[in-house]
Protein backbone atom coordinates (compact mmCIF):
# COMPACT_ATOMS: atom_id res chain seq x y z
CA UNK A 1 0.00 0.00 0.00
CA UNK A 2 1.19 3.49 -0.70
CA UNK A 3 -0.21 6.84 0.28
CA UNK A 4 0.70 10.41 1.05
CA UNK A 5 0.51 12.37 4.30
CA UNK A 6 -0.83 15.87 3.66
CA UNK A 7 -2.11 17.26 6.95
CA UNK A 8 -1.09 17.23 10.59
CA UNK A 9 -2.17 13.90 12.09
CA UNK A 10 -2.27 12.09 15.41
CA UNK A 11 0.77 9.76 15.31
CA UNK A 12 -0.84 7.35 17.79
CA UNK A 13 -4.14 6.94 15.92
CA UNK A 14 -3.77 8.46 12.47
CA UNK A 15 -6.46 8.60 9.81
CA UNK A 16 -4.92 8.37 6.34
CA UNK A 17 -6.22 8.35 2.79
CA UNK A 18 -4.88 5.81 0.29
CA UNK A 19 -5.63 4.64 -3.24
CA UNK A 20 -5.02 0.93 -2.64
CA UNK A 21 -7.94 -1.29 -1.60
CA UNK A 22 -7.06 -2.29 1.99
CA UNK A 23 -9.42 -5.28 2.24
CA UNK A 24 -6.51 -7.76 2.27
CA UNK A 25 -4.47 -5.83 4.84
CA UNK A 26 -4.65 -5.48 8.63
CA UNK A 27 -1.24 -3.94 9.34
CA UNK A 28 1.00 -1.26 7.88
CA UNK A 29 4.13 0.80 8.45
CA UNK A 30 4.43 4.53 7.77
CA UNK A 31 8.06 5.51 7.11
CA UNK A 32 7.21 9.25 7.24
CA UNK A 33 6.15 8.81 10.88
CA UNK A 34 9.57 7.57 12.01
CA UNK A 35 8.81 4.09 10.70
CA UNK A 36 5.99 3.42 13.15
CA UNK A 37 3.89 0.28 12.72
CA UNK A 38 0.10 0.38 12.83
CA UNK A 39 -2.88 -1.94 13.11
CA UNK A 40 -5.65 -1.11 10.64
CA UNK A 41 -8.68 -0.76 12.95
CA UNK A 42 -11.15 -0.02 10.17
CA UNK A 43 -11.47 1.56 6.77
CA UNK A 44 -14.12 3.25 4.69
CA UNK A 45 -14.59 3.96 1.02
CA UNK A 46 -14.26 7.70 0.40
CA UNK A 47 -14.96 7.50 -3.32
CA UNK A 48 -14.15 5.07 -6.11
CA UNK A 49 -10.54 3.97 -5.64
CA UNK A 50 -9.93 6.11 -2.54
CA UNK A 51 -10.06 4.70 0.99
CA UNK A 52 -9.73 6.19 4.47
CA UNK A 53 -7.85 4.06 7.01
CA UNK A 54 -8.29 4.36 10.76
CA UNK A 55 -5.05 3.16 12.37
CA UNK A 56 -3.72 2.48 15.87
CA UNK A 57 -0.01 2.38 16.68
CA UNK A 58 1.57 -0.99 17.50
CA UNK A 59 3.77 0.16 20.36
CA UNK A 60 5.68 -3.10 20.81
CA UNK A 61 6.71 -3.39 17.15
CA UNK A 62 7.37 0.34 16.76
CA UNK A 63 9.71 0.41 19.76
CA UNK A 64 10.90 -3.20 19.52
CA UNK A 65 14.60 -2.30 19.66
CA UNK A 66 14.17 -0.22 22.82
CA UNK A 67 11.95 -2.79 24.54
CA UNK A 68 14.37 -5.63 23.81
CA UNK A 69 17.32 -3.65 25.14
CA UNK A 70 15.75 -2.18 28.26
CA UNK A 71 17.22 -3.01 31.63
CA UNK A 72 15.31 -2.89 34.85
CA UNK A 73 16.06 -2.50 38.50
CA UNK A 74 14.52 -4.86 41.01
CA UNK A 75 14.10 -3.34 44.43
CA UNK A 76 13.26 -5.43 47.44
CA UNK A 77 11.44 -4.01 50.42
CA UNK A 78 12.40 -5.23 53.88
CA UNK A 79 8.79 -4.83 54.98
CA UNK A 80 7.48 -7.24 52.37
CA UNK A 81 4.53 -6.80 50.08
CA UNK A 82 0.92 -7.81 50.67
CA UNK A 83 0.69 -8.62 46.95
CA UNK A 84 3.70 -10.93 46.52
CA UNK A 85 4.86 -14.08 48.26
CA UNK A 86 8.60 -14.40 48.78
CA UNK A 87 8.31 -18.15 49.36
CA UNK A 88 6.66 -18.87 46.01
CA UNK A 89 9.16 -19.70 43.29
CA UNK A 90 7.68 -20.37 39.89
CA UNK A 91 9.20 -21.16 36.51
CA UNK A 92 7.47 -18.84 34.03
CA UNK A 93 9.21 -20.05 30.89
CA UNK A 94 6.76 -21.27 28.30
CA UNK A 95 7.06 -24.52 26.40
CA UNK A 96 6.24 -24.46 22.73
CA UNK A 97 6.16 -27.02 20.00
CA UNK A 98 6.11 -26.87 16.24
CA UNK A 99 3.46 -28.71 14.30
CA UNK A 100 4.04 -29.18 10.57
CA UNK A 101 0.91 -28.38 8.60
CA UNK A 102 0.55 -29.36 4.94
CA UNK A 103 -2.52 -27.24 4.28
CA UNK A 104 -2.53 -24.40 1.76
CA UNK A 105 -4.51 -21.38 2.89
CA UNK A 106 -6.61 -19.22 0.58
CA UNK A 107 -7.19 -15.48 0.98
CA UNK A 108 -10.38 -16.29 2.89
CA UNK A 109 -8.67 -18.64 5.41
CA UNK A 110 -7.97 -17.82 9.04
CA UNK A 111 -5.80 -19.39 11.73
CA UNK A 112 -7.22 -19.58 15.23
CA UNK A 113 -4.70 -20.21 17.99
CA UNK A 114 -5.86 -21.27 21.42
CA UNK A 115 -3.50 -21.57 24.37
CA UNK A 116 -4.47 -23.81 27.24
CA UNK A 117 -2.99 -24.60 30.57
CA UNK A 118 -2.56 -27.50 32.94
CA UNK A 119 -5.50 -28.94 34.80
CA UNK A 120 -5.34 -29.97 38.47
CA UNK A 121 -3.69 -33.29 37.53
CA UNK A 122 -0.84 -31.55 35.66
CA UNK A 123 -2.18 -32.66 32.26
CA UNK A 124 -2.91 -30.45 29.29
């Protein structure tokens, strides 16, 4: 998709006009706005061949480099916290597995991903 920015816009939720039919898109990047990435929330037909996109910034992708390289400071209070247990140690790493799929998707296909957890017996 290509378009042109003409007016002052909200960089967090811009509304832009394009001449490419956006029906097959749900995401875009605007280099003129410092390369920010956006979700396409909705679009409307302005006139034949002209569309208005309503976008919302994808903060994690836009600032991916900064998020990945951030360092934090963990401070411990001697008085304890009513919201956290110091005796509870939990492994929060997630297990994942790859499943080979020999199905060819069409433009009308969707993938639904559901993530479950362990039941009381420790089984998925």
